[in-house]
Amino acid sequence: MNHTTTIAAGQLQALMKNGQPLRIFDCSFELMQPHAGRQHYLASHIPGAIYADLETALSARHGAPGAHGVLTAAGADAPASGGRHPLPNRERFATWLSGVGMGNGMQAVVYDRSGGTCCGRLWWMLKWAGHDRVAVLDGGWQAWQAAGGALSSGEEPAHFQASFLPGPELARLVDASAVASQLGRPGQTLVDARAAARFKGQAEPIDPVAGHIPGALNRPFAENLMPDGLFKPAAQLKAEFLSLLGERDPSSVVHYCGSGVSALHNLVAMEIAGLGRTALYAGSWSDWCRDPQRPVATA
């Protein structure tokens, strides 16, 4: 059985026992303490899991800041987006996947320790690279522990070199130009995943400008979860997103957040809800607000 959206802890345990070709990725990360994720991983993780660092493996770190603080580089090192966590291009990402033993025929499972706010990045990137067999561990590390899952610590032994080849993109990426060209038009519905205070411009602890992209709707990603950290049932998520969208077509949604990471929580939630795979503005607010000519809204 292929798992392409979420997977329960018990289902992952069964896959591990069956010996199915599998790669598990620990994507734990803390924005204000960037090294804490690896420390948590080294202390304890799912056996066989590879650590996927948001800032080194899942973001481009080549070139130098250019106009408006956007990371620039040429050729094979050119990032695929702007923002604080610019996407590496698909070829660079495929090279990393090959180096950690991820092959095209494998099932991938991603998890973190923060309700899926970080591992959605790798879930989406694999889709973007043409790999559909990737699932978010519902409830993450906490759900694995609650299910009595086995634990490991320290670095995992080196995996064999694989040959991951990117396929047709299974996820839609848009940039600032595309977003700007569709502002106010019915073909685009922006959904901002940040907390309400940041969306309204009442607080901005990270980026140089407070506020949001004009016309955006606000759906803080934490609203997708139940108190136990699991995603809400599909029917409930569907009802909540349709209420948010009103008369807007779900297929018109473009997700964003601060740097294109937590926005993917909403994208995953919409897919769980059966509302289709929507688009991502990966540069997000950190990319948008660095150009003073782009409009900003508050309230």
C-alpha atoms as a PDB file:
ATOM      1  CA  MET A   1       0.000   0.000   0.000  1.00  0.00           C
ATOM      2  CA  ASN A   2       1.273   3.466  -0.901  1.00  0.00           C
ATOM      3  CA  HIS A   3       0.929   6.281   1.628  1.00  0.00           C
ATOM      4  CA  THR A   4       0.770   9.686  -0.032  1.00  0.00           C
ATOM      5  CA  THR A   5      -0.723  12.101   2.517  1.00  0.00           C
ATOM      6  CA  THR A   6      -0.501  10.959   6.158  1.00  0.00           C
ATOM      7  CA  ILE A   7       0.350   7.729   7.942  1.00  0.00           C
ATOM      8  CA  ALA A   8      -0.536   6.623  11.484  1.00  0.00           C
ATOM      9  CA  ALA A   9       2.140   5.441  13.908  1.00  0.00           C
ATOM     10  CA  GLY A  10       0.743   1.896  13.850  1.00  0.00           C
ATOM     11  CA  GLN A  11       0.858   1.825  10.061  1.00  0.00           C
ATOM     12  CA  LEU A  12       4.496   2.928  10.085  1.00  0.00           C
ATOM     13  CA  GLN A  13       5.344   0.201  12.576  1.00  0.00           C
ATOM     14  CA  ALA A  14       3.770  -2.339  10.215  1.00  0.00           C
ATOM     15  CA  LEU A  15       5.778  -1.034   7.253  1.00  0.00           C
ATOM     16  CA  MET A  16       9.007  -1.314   9.218  1.00  0.00           C
ATOM     17  CA  LYS A  17       8.216  -4.910  10.204  1.00  0.00           C
ATOM     18  CA  ASN A  18       7.323  -5.878   6.636  1.00  0.00           C
ATOM     19  CA  GLY A  19      10.690  -4.771   5.334  1.00  0.00           C
ATOM     20  CA  GLN A  20       9.199  -2.539   2.640  1.00  0.00           C
ATOM     21  CA  PRO A  21      11.773  -0.223   0.973  1.00  0.00           C
ATOM     22  CA  LEU A  22      11.432   2.776   3.241  1.00  0.00           C
ATOM     23  CA  ARG A  23      13.175   5.988   4.197  1.00  0.00           C
ATOM     24  CA  ILE A  24      12.135   7.845   7.353  1.00  0.00           C
ATOM     25  CA  PHE A  25      13.146  11.479   7.811  1.00  0.00           C
ATOM     26  CA  ASP A  26      13.267  13.393  11.091  1.00  0.00           C
ATOM     27  CA  CYS A  27      12.662  17.065  10.223  1.00  0.00           C
ATOM     28  CA  SER A  28      12.644  18.458  13.769  1.00  0.00           C
ATOM     29  CA  PHE A  29      13.564  22.140  13.833  1.00  0.00           C
ATOM     30  CA  GLU A  30      13.158  25.188  16.071  1.00  0.00           C
ATOM     31  CA  LEU A  31      13.263  28.579  14.381  1.00  0.00           C
ATOM     32  CA  MET A  32      14.739  30.441  17.336  1.00  0.00           C
ATOM     33  CA  GLN A  33      17.195  27.620  18.164  1.00  0.00           C
ATOM     34  CA  PRO A  34      18.319  26.253  14.784  1.00  0.00           C
ATOM     35  CA  HIS A  35      20.608  23.587  16.263  1.00  0.00           C
ATOM     36  CA  ALA A  36      18.009  22.200  18.662  1.00  0.00           C
ATOM     37  CA  GLY A  37      16.413  19.957  16.055  1.00  0.00           C
ATOM     38  CA  ARG A  38      19.568  17.958  15.458  1.00  0.00           C
ATOM     39  CA  GLN A  39      20.149  17.720  19.204  1.00  0.00           C
ATOM     40  CA  HIS A  40      16.666  16.275  19.689  1.00  0.00           C
ATOM     41  CA  TYR A  41      17.309  13.840  16.849  1.00  0.00           C
ATOM     42  CA  LEU A  42      20.616  12.667  18.309  1.00  0.00           C
ATOM     43  CA  ALA A  43      19.020  12.176  21.709  1.00  0.00           C
ATOM     44  CA  SER A  44      16.187  10.024  20.374  1.00  0.00           C
ATOM     45  CA  HIS A  45      14.543   9.246  17.049  1.00  0.00           C
ATOM     46  CA  ILE A  46      12.687   6.559  15.112  1.00  0.00           C
ATOM     47  CA  PRO A  47      15.127   3.760  14.229  1.00  0.00           C
ATOM     48  CA  GLY A  48      16.640   4.267  10.798  1.00  0.00           C
ATOM     49  CA  ALA A  49      15.481   7.869  10.513  1.00  0.00           C
ATOM     50  CA  ILE A  50      17.707  10.332   8.655  1.00  0.00           C
ATOM     51  CA  TYR A  51      17.948  13.871   9.938  1.00  0.00           C
ATOM     52  CA  ALA A  52      16.766  16.438   7.374  1.00  0.00           C
ATOM     53  CA  ASP A  53      17.935  19.875   8.504  1.00  0.00           C
ATOM     54  CA  LEU A  54      15.644  22.666   7.317  1.00  0.00           C
ATOM     55  CA  GLU A  55      18.483  25.149   6.930  1.00  0.00           C
ATOM     56  CA  THR A  56      21.057  22.922   5.218  1.00  0.00           C
ATOM     57  CA  ALA A  57      19.288  20.040   3.468  1.00  0.00           C
ATOM     58  CA  LEU A  58      15.900  21.599   2.713  1.00  0.00           C
ATOM     59  CA  SER A  59      16.969  25.173   1.954  1.00  0.00           C
ATOM     60  CA  ALA A  60      19.414  26.656  -0.537  1.00  0.00           C
ATOM     61  CA  ARG A  61      22.521  28.038   1.062  1.00  0.00           C
ATOM     62  CA  HIS A  62      24.501  29.102  -1.975  1.00  0.00           C
ATOM     63  CA  GLY A  63      25.337  32.528  -3.322  1.00  0.00           C
ATOM     64  CA  ALA A  64      24.999  35.848  -1.545  1.00  0.00           C
ATOM     65  CA  PRO A  65      22.106  38.142  -0.716  1.00  0.00           C
ATOM     66  CA  GLY A  66      21.105  40.206  -3.736  1.00  0.00           C
ATOM     67  CA  ALA A  67      18.412  42.797  -4.301  1.00  0.00           C
ATOM     68  CA  HIS A  68      15.869  42.974  -1.475  1.00  0.00           C
ATOM     69  CA  GLY A  69      17.824  40.318   0.463  1.00  0.00           C
ATOM     70  CA  VAL A  70      16.970  37.511  -1.975  1.00  0.00           C
ATOM     71  CA  LEU A  71      19.555  34.764  -2.160  1.00  0.00           C
ATOM     72  CA  THR A  72      21.148  34.647  -5.604  1.00  0.00           C
ATOM     73  CA  ALA A  73      23.426  32.179  -7.358  1.00  0.00           C
ATOM     74  CA  ALA A  74      24.064  30.918 -10.837  1.00  0.00           C
ATOM     75  CA  GLY A  75      23.869  27.611 -12.619  1.00  0.00           C
ATOM     76  CA  ALA A  76      23.388  24.416 -10.651  1.00  0.00           C
ATOM     77  CA  ASP A  77      23.371  26.273  -7.332  1.00  0.00           C
ATOM     78  CA  ALA A  78      20.579  28.714  -8.182  1.00  0.00           C
ATOM     79  CA  PRO A  79      17.780  28.542  -5.565  1.00  0.00           C
ATOM     80  CA  ALA A  80      14.244  27.904  -6.734  1.00  0.00           C
ATOM     81  CA  SER A  81      12.667  30.600  -4.559  1.00  0.00           C
ATOM     82  CA  GLY A  82      13.422  33.659  -2.466  1.00  0.00           C
ATOM     83  CA  GLY A  83      12.724  34.243   1.210  1.00  0.00           C
ATOM     84  CA  ARG A  84      14.401  33.278   4.483  1.00  0.00           C
ATOM     85  CA  HIS A  85      14.343  29.593   3.579  1.00  0.00           C
ATOM     86  CA  PRO A  86      14.849  29.576  -0.195  1.00  0.00           C
ATOM     87  CA  LEU A  87      14.149  26.275  -1.886  1.00  0.00           C
ATOM     88  CA  PRO A  88      17.118  24.459  -3.381  1.00  0.00           C
ATOM     89  CA  ASN A  89      16.513  23.672  -7.027  1.00  0.00           C
ATOM     90  CA  ARG A  90      15.215  20.199  -7.873  1.00  0.00           C
ATOM     91  CA  GLU A  91      18.572  18.942  -9.132  1.00  0.00           C
ATOM     92  CA  ARG A  92      20.388  19.982  -5.953  1.00  0.00           C
ATOM     93  CA  PHE A  93      17.636  18.411  -3.862  1.00  0.00           C
ATOM     94  CA  ALA A  94      17.849  15.168  -5.854  1.00  0.00           C
ATOM     95  CA  THR A  95      21.590  15.041  -5.199  1.00  0.00           C
ATOM     96  CA  TRP A  96      20.955  15.269  -1.448  1.00  0.00           C
ATOM     97  CA  LEU A  97      18.290  12.564  -1.614  1.00  0.00           C
ATOM     98  CA  SER A  98      20.653  10.260  -3.502  1.00  0.00           C
ATOM     99  CA  GLY A  99      23.358  10.880  -0.914  1.00  0.00           C
ATOM    100  CA  VAL A 100      21.153   9.723   1.951  1.00  0.00           C
ATOM    101  CA  GLY A 101      19.984   6.608   0.119  1.00  0.00           C
ATOM    102  CA  MET A 102      16.550   7.753  -1.027  1.00  0.00           C
ATOM    103  CA  GLY A 103      15.555   6.018  -4.248  1.00  0.00           C
ATOM    104  CA  ASN A 104      12.591   6.539  -6.552  1.00  0.00           C
ATOM    105  CA  GLY A 105      11.042   3.197  -5.596  1.00  0.00           C
ATOM    106  CA  MET A 106      10.913   3.888  -1.856  1.00  0.00           C
ATOM    107  CA  GLN A 107       8.124   4.924   0.466  1.00  0.00           C
ATOM    108  CA  ALA A 108       9.139   8.046   2.397  1.00  0.00           C
ATOM    109  CA  VAL A 109       7.755   9.033   5.814  1.00  0.00           C
ATOM    110  CA  VAL A 110       8.476  12.439   7.367  1.00  0.00           C
ATOM    111  CA  TYR A 111       7.934  13.634  10.922  1.00  0.00           C
ATOM    112  CA  ASP A 112       8.912  16.311  13.417  1.00  0.00           C
ATOM    113  CA  ARG A 113       8.257  17.287  17.019  1.00  0.00           C
ATOM    114  CA  SER A 114       6.074  20.322  16.329  1.00  0.00           C
ATOM    115  CA  GLY A 115       2.791  19.000  14.974  1.00  0.00           C
ATOM    116  CA  GLY A 116       3.961  18.684  11.383  1.00  0.00           C
ATOM    117  CA  THR A 117       4.966  22.326  10.953  1.00  0.00           C
ATOM    118  CA  CYS A 118       8.433  21.473   9.589  1.00  0.00           C
ATOM    119  CA  CYS A 119       8.144  18.037   7.990  1.00  0.00           C
ATOM    120  CA  GLY A 120       5.510  19.294   5.554  1.00  0.00           C
ATOM    121  CA  ARG A 121       8.416  21.009   3.780  1.00  0.00           C
ATOM    122  CA  LEU A 122      10.060  17.700   2.872  1.00  0.00           C
ATOM    123  CA  TRP A 123       6.673  16.128   2.063  1.00  0.00           C
ATOM    124  CA  TRP A 124       6.006  18.926  -0.432  1.00  0.00           C
ATOM    125  CA  MET A 125       9.552  18.948  -1.831  1.00  0.00           C
ATOM    126  CA  LEU A 126       9.353  15.242  -2.642  1.00  0.00           C
ATOM    127  CA  LYS A 127       6.057  15.823  -4.453  1.00  0.00           C
ATOM    128  CA  TRP A 128       7.699  18.727  -6.281  1.00  0.00           C
ATOM    129  CA  ALA A 129      10.525  16.373  -7.282  1.00  0.00           C
ATOM    130  CA  GLY A 130       7.969  13.958  -8.735  1.00  0.00           C
ATOM    131  CA  HIS A 131       7.848  11.469  -5.852  1.00  0.00           C
ATOM    132  CA  ASP A 132       4.271  10.824  -4.701  1.00  0.00           C
ATOM    133  CA  ARG A 133       4.967   8.065  -2.138  1.00  0.00           C
ATOM    134  CA  VAL A 134       5.629  10.291   0.846  1.00  0.00           C
ATOM    135  CA  ALA A 135       3.479  10.663   3.969  1.00  0.00           C
ATOM    136  CA  VAL A 136       3.478  12.831   7.079  1.00  0.00           C
ATOM    137  CA  LEU A 137       3.480  10.833  10.313  1.00  0.00           C
ATOM    138  CA  ASP A 138       0.229  11.985  11.900  1.00  0.00           C
ATOM    139  CA  GLY A 139       0.966  13.327  15.361  1.00  0.00           C
ATOM    140  CA  GLY A 140       4.708  13.166  14.731  1.00  0.00           C
ATOM    141  CA  TRP A 141       7.238  12.129  17.334  1.00  0.00           C
ATOM    142  CA  GLN A 142       4.707  12.353  20.164  1.00  0.00           C
ATOM    143  CA  ALA A 143       2.324   9.934  18.422  1.00  0.00           C
ATOM    144  CA  TRP A 144       5.200   7.514  17.795  1.00  0.00           C
ATOM    145  CA  GLN A 145       6.080   7.514  21.481  1.00  0.00           C
ATOM    146  CA  ALA A 146       2.433   7.138  22.524  1.00  0.00           C
ATOM    147  CA  ALA A 147       2.158   4.080  20.268  1.00  0.00           C
ATOM    148  CA  GLY A 148       5.128   2.457  22.000  1.00  0.00           C
ATOM    149  CA  GLY A 149       7.351   2.769  18.939  1.00  0.00           C
ATOM    150  CA  ALA A 150      10.991   1.696  19.139  1.00  0.00           C
ATOM    151  CA  LEU A 151      13.600   4.380  19.788  1.00  0.00           C
ATOM    152  CA  SER A 152      17.154   4.934  18.640  1.00  0.00           C
ATOM    153  CA  SER A 153      19.802   7.562  19.379  1.00  0.00           C
ATOM    154  CA  GLY A 154      22.969   8.982  17.879  1.00  0.00           C
ATOM    155  CA  GLU A 155      23.780   9.187  14.177  1.00  0.00           C
ATOM    156  CA  GLU A 156      22.419   6.423  12.003  1.00  0.00           C
ATOM    157  CA  PRO A 157      24.966   4.376  10.024  1.00  0.00           C
ATOM    158  CA  ALA A 158      25.672   5.749   6.546  1.00  0.00           C
ATOM    159  CA  HIS A 159      23.148   4.615   3.954  1.00  0.00           C
ATOM    160  CA  PHE A 160      24.099   3.327   0.534  1.00  0.00           C
ATOM    161  CA  GLN A 161      24.290   5.828  -2.319  1.00  0.00           C
ATOM    162  CA  ALA A 162      21.048   5.801  -4.301  1.00  0.00           C
ATOM    163  CA  SER A 163      20.168   7.422  -7.590  1.00  0.00           C
ATOM    164  CA  PHE A 164      17.125   9.624  -7.167  1.00  0.00           C
ATOM    165  CA  LEU A 165      15.931  11.051 -10.471  1.00  0.00           C
ATOM    166  CA  PRO A 166      13.441  13.937 -10.444  1.00  0.00           C
ATOM    167  CA  GLY A 167      10.184  13.259 -12.286  1.00  0.00           C
ATOM    168  CA  PRO A 168       7.317  15.477 -13.446  1.00  0.00           C
ATOM    169  CA  GLU A 169       6.401  17.994 -10.760  1.00  0.00           C
ATOM    170  CA  LEU A 170       3.487  16.881  -8.592  1.00  0.00           C
ATOM    171  CA  ALA A 171       3.273  20.168  -6.673  1.00  0.00           C
ATOM    172  CA  ARG A 172       2.735  23.727  -7.896  1.00  0.00           C
ATOM    173  CA  LEU A 173       5.212  26.463  -7.010  1.00  0.00           C
ATOM    174  CA  VAL A 174       4.523  30.159  -7.640  1.00  0.00           C
ATOM    175  CA  ASP A 175       6.751  33.192  -7.169  1.00  0.00           C
ATOM    176  CA  ALA A 176       6.188  36.807  -6.168  1.00  0.00           C
ATOM    177  CA  SER A 177       5.627  37.920  -9.765  1.00  0.00           C
ATOM    178  CA  ALA A 178       2.866  35.369 -10.242  1.00  0.00           C
ATOM    179  CA  VAL A 179       1.219  36.340  -6.946  1.00  0.00           C
ATOM    180  CA  ALA A 180       1.430  40.058  -7.739  1.00  0.00           C
ATOM    181  CA  SER A 181      -0.041  39.588 -11.219  1.00  0.00           C
ATOM    182  CA  GLN A 182      -3.141  37.913  -9.750  1.00  0.00           C
ATOM    183  CA  LEU A 183      -3.794  40.179  -6.754  1.00  0.00           C
ATOM    184  CA  GLY A 184      -7.494  40.870  -6.425  1.00  0.00           C
ATOM    185  CA  ARG A 185      -8.475  38.460  -9.169  1.00  0.00           C
ATOM    186  CA  PRO A 186     -10.828  35.515  -8.569  1.00  0.00           C
ATOM    187  CA  GLY A 187      -8.315  33.035  -9.951  1.00  0.00           C
ATOM    188  CA  GLN A 188      -6.107  33.419  -6.866  1.00  0.00           C
ATOM    189  CA  THR A 189      -6.991  33.048  -3.176  1.00  0.00           C
ATOM    190  CA  LEU A 190      -4.103  33.682  -0.812  1.00  0.00           C
ATOM    191  CA  VAL A 191      -4.164  31.845   2.522  1.00  0.00           C
ATOM    192  CA  ASP A 192      -1.716  33.005   5.206  1.00  0.00           C
ATOM    193  CA  ALA A 193      -0.756  30.361   7.809  1.00  0.00           C
ATOM    194  CA  ARG A 194       0.783  32.714  10.376  1.00  0.00           C
ATOM    195  CA  ALA A 195      -0.725  33.554  13.749  1.00  0.00           C
ATOM    196  CA  ALA A 196      -3.378  36.276  13.715  1.00  0.00           C
ATOM    197  CA  ALA A 197      -1.155  38.894  15.391  1.00  0.00           C
ATOM    198  CA  ARG A 198       1.481  38.599  12.676  1.00  0.00           C
ATOM    199  CA  PHE A 199      -1.133  38.512   9.926  1.00  0.00           C
ATOM    200  CA  LYS A 200      -2.728  41.730  11.226  1.00  0.00           C
ATOM    201  CA  GLY A 201       0.639  43.443  11.593  1.00  0.00           C
ATOM    202  CA  GLN A 202       0.292  43.727  15.370  1.00  0.00           C
ATOM    203  CA  ALA A 203       3.573  41.875  15.932  1.00  0.00           C
ATOM    204  CA  GLU A 204       6.455  40.835  13.705  1.00  0.00           C
ATOM    205  CA  PRO A 205       9.365  39.183  15.544  1.00  0.00           C
ATOM    206  CA  ILE A 206      11.290  37.999  12.478  1.00  0.00           C
ATOM    207  CA  ASP A 207      10.748  39.890   9.235  1.00  0.00           C
ATOM    208  CA  PRO A 208      11.497  43.599   8.628  1.00  0.00           C
ATOM    209  CA  VAL A 209       7.902  44.590   7.782  1.00  0.00           C
ATOM    210  CA  ALA A 210       4.664  43.673   9.571  1.00  0.00           C
ATOM    211  CA  GLY A 211       1.394  42.834   7.871  1.00  0.00           C
ATOM    212  CA  HIS A 212       0.162  40.565   5.083  1.00  0.00           C
ATOM    213  CA  ILE A 213      -0.355  40.409   1.333  1.00  0.00           C
ATOM    214  CA  PRO A 214      -3.500  42.366   0.437  1.00  0.00           C
ATOM    215  CA  GLY A 215      -6.604  40.227   0.038  1.00  0.00           C
ATOM    216  CA  ALA A 216      -5.172  37.229   1.891  1.00  0.00           C
ATOM    217  CA  LEU A 217      -7.269  35.097   4.233  1.00  0.00           C
ATOM    218  CA  ASN A 218      -5.856  33.984   7.571  1.00  0.00           C
ATOM    219  CA  ARG A 219      -5.814  30.322   8.637  1.00  0.00           C
ATOM    220  CA  PRO A 220      -3.254  29.822  11.446  1.00  0.00           C
ATOM    221  CA  PHE A 221      -1.832  26.343  10.857  1.00  0.00           C
ATOM    222  CA  ALA A 222      -2.389  25.259  14.477  1.00  0.00           C
ATOM    223  CA  GLU A 223      -6.132  25.227  13.755  1.00  0.00           C
ATOM    224  CA  ASN A 224      -5.617  22.041  11.725  1.00  0.00           C
ATOM    225  CA  LEU A 225      -4.798  19.995  14.828  1.00  0.00           C
ATOM    226  CA  MET A 226      -6.756  18.407  17.653  1.00  0.00           C
ATOM    227  CA  PRO A 227      -5.520  18.769  21.261  1.00  0.00           C
ATOM    228  CA  ASP A 228      -3.623  15.460  20.967  1.00  0.00           C
ATOM    229  CA  GLY A 229      -1.573  16.800  18.050  1.00  0.00           C
ATOM    230  CA  LEU A 230      -3.260  14.691  15.371  1.00  0.00           C
ATOM    231  CA  PHE A 231      -4.859  16.284  12.333  1.00  0.00           C
ATOM    232  CA  LYS A 232      -8.564  16.938  12.674  1.00  0.00           C
ATOM    233  CA  PRO A 233     -10.851  14.489  10.812  1.00  0.00           C
ATOM    234  CA  ALA A 234     -11.096  15.084   7.066  1.00  0.00           C
ATOM    235  CA  ALA A 235     -14.753  16.126   7.217  1.00  0.00           C
ATOM    236  CA  GLN A 236     -14.037  18.744   9.872  1.00  0.00           C
ATOM    237  CA  LEU A 237     -11.069  20.158   7.962  1.00  0.00           C
ATOM    238  CA  LYS A 238     -13.152  20.328   4.809  1.00  0.00           C
ATOM    239  CA  ALA A 239     -15.962  22.195   6.557  1.00  0.00           C
ATOM    240  CA  GLU A 240     -13.541  24.689   8.123  1.00  0.00           C
ATOM    241  CA  PHE A 241     -11.651  25.422   4.908  1.00  0.00           C
ATOM    242  CA  LEU A 242     -14.850  25.785   2.889  1.00  0.00           C
ATOM    243  CA  SER A 243     -16.164  28.184   5.525  1.00  0.00           C
ATOM    244  CA  LEU A 244     -12.954  30.213   5.261  1.00  0.00           C
ATOM    245  CA  LEU A 245     -13.062  30.275   1.467  1.00  0.00           C
ATOM    246  CA  GLY A 246     -16.724  31.138   1.132  1.00  0.00           C
ATOM    247  CA  GLU A 247     -17.554  31.284  -2.588  1.00  0.00           C
ATOM    248  CA  ARG A 248     -13.905  30.976  -3.620  1.00  0.00           C
ATOM    249  CA  ASP A 249     -12.774  27.910  -5.544  1.00  0.00           C
ATOM    250  CA  PRO A 250     -10.437  25.704  -3.450  1.00  0.00           C
ATOM    251  CA  SER A 251      -8.298  25.132  -6.555  1.00  0.00           C
ATOM    252  CA  SER A 252      -7.475  28.862  -6.565  1.00  0.00           C
ATOM    253  CA  VAL A 253      -5.661  28.715  -3.210  1.00  0.00           C
ATOM    254  CA  VAL A 254      -2.025  29.757  -2.911  1.00  0.00           C
ATOM    255  CA  HIS A 255      -0.523  29.153   0.530  1.00  0.00           C
ATOM    256  CA  TYR A 256       2.109  31.286   2.217  1.00  0.00           C
ATOM    257  CA  CYS A 257       3.480  32.018   5.700  1.00  0.00           C
ATOM    258  CA  GLY A 258       6.699  33.643   6.895  1.00  0.00           C
ATOM    259  CA  SER A 259       9.216  31.646   4.878  1.00  0.00           C
ATOM    260  CA  GLY A 260       7.218  28.958   3.088  1.00  0.00           C
ATOM    261  CA  VAL A 261       7.462  26.220   5.731  1.00  0.00           C
ATOM    262  CA  SER A 262       4.425  26.281   8.043  1.00  0.00           C
ATOM    263  CA  ALA A 263       2.226  27.219   5.052  1.00  0.00           C
ATOM    264  CA  LEU A 264       2.559  23.605   3.993  1.00  0.00           C
ATOM    265  CA  HIS A 265       0.618  22.512   7.071  1.00  0.00           C
ATOM    266  CA  ASN A 266      -2.448  24.141   5.516  1.00  0.00           C
ATOM    267  CA  LEU A 267      -1.646  22.610   2.146  1.00  0.00           C
ATOM    268  CA  VAL A 268      -1.455  19.122   3.678  1.00  0.00           C
ATOM    269  CA  ALA A 269      -4.660  19.766   5.647  1.00  0.00           C
ATOM    270  CA  MET A 270      -6.539  20.757   2.486  1.00  0.00           C
ATOM    271  CA  GLU A 271      -5.365  17.568   0.822  1.00  0.00           C
ATOM    272  CA  ILE A 272      -6.514  15.497   3.822  1.00  0.00           C
ATOM    273  CA  ALA A 273      -9.852  17.280   3.481  1.00  0.00           C
ATOM    274  CA  GLY A 274     -10.163  16.116  -0.117  1.00  0.00           C
ATOM    275  CA  LEU A 275      -9.901  19.645  -1.522  1.00  0.00           C
ATOM    276  CA  GLY A 276      -7.015  18.865  -3.861  1.00  0.00           C
ATOM    277  CA  ARG A 277      -3.358  19.823  -3.969  1.00  0.00           C
ATOM    278  CA  THR A 278      -3.115  23.585  -3.899  1.00  0.00           C
ATOM    279  CA  ALA A 279      -0.202  25.912  -4.699  1.00  0.00           C
ATOM    280  CA  LEU A 280       2.680  27.264  -2.599  1.00  0.00           C
ATOM    281  CA  TYR A 281       4.294  30.682  -2.661  1.00  0.00           C
ATOM    282  CA  ALA A 282       7.555  29.408  -1.204  1.00  0.00           C
ATOM    283  CA  GLY A 283       9.219  32.791  -0.712  1.00  0.00           C
ATOM    284  CA  SER A 284       6.201  33.852   1.357  1.00  0.00           C
ATOM    285  CA  TRP A 285       6.063  37.000   3.475  1.00  0.00           C
ATOM    286  CA  SER A 286       9.837  37.161   4.002  1.00  0.00           C
ATOM    287  CA  ASP A 287      10.243  37.418   0.221  1.00  0.00           C
ATOM    288  CA  TRP A 288       7.236  39.645  -0.442  1.00  0.00           C
ATOM    289  CA  CYS A 289       7.966  42.313   2.179  1.00  0.00           C
ATOM    290  CA  ARG A 290      11.579  42.892   1.156  1.00  0.00           C
ATOM    291  CA  ASP A 291      10.486  44.771  -1.947  1.00  0.00           C
ATOM    292  CA  PRO A 292       9.145  48.170  -0.812  1.00  0.00           C
ATOM    293  CA  GLN A 293       7.159  48.509  -4.021  1.00  0.00           C
ATOM    294  CA  ARG A 294       4.910  45.573  -3.143  1.00  0.00           C
ATOM    295  CA  PRO A 295       1.692  46.459  -1.293  1.00  0.00           C
ATOM    296  CA  VAL A 296       1.204  45.570   2.368  1.00  0.00           C
ATOM    297  CA  ALA A 297      -2.047  45.272   4.322  1.00  0.00           C
ATOM    298  CA  THR A 298      -2.776  45.308   8.051  1.00  0.00           C
ATOM    299  CA  ALA A 299      -5.912  44.704  10.162  1.00  0.00           C
END
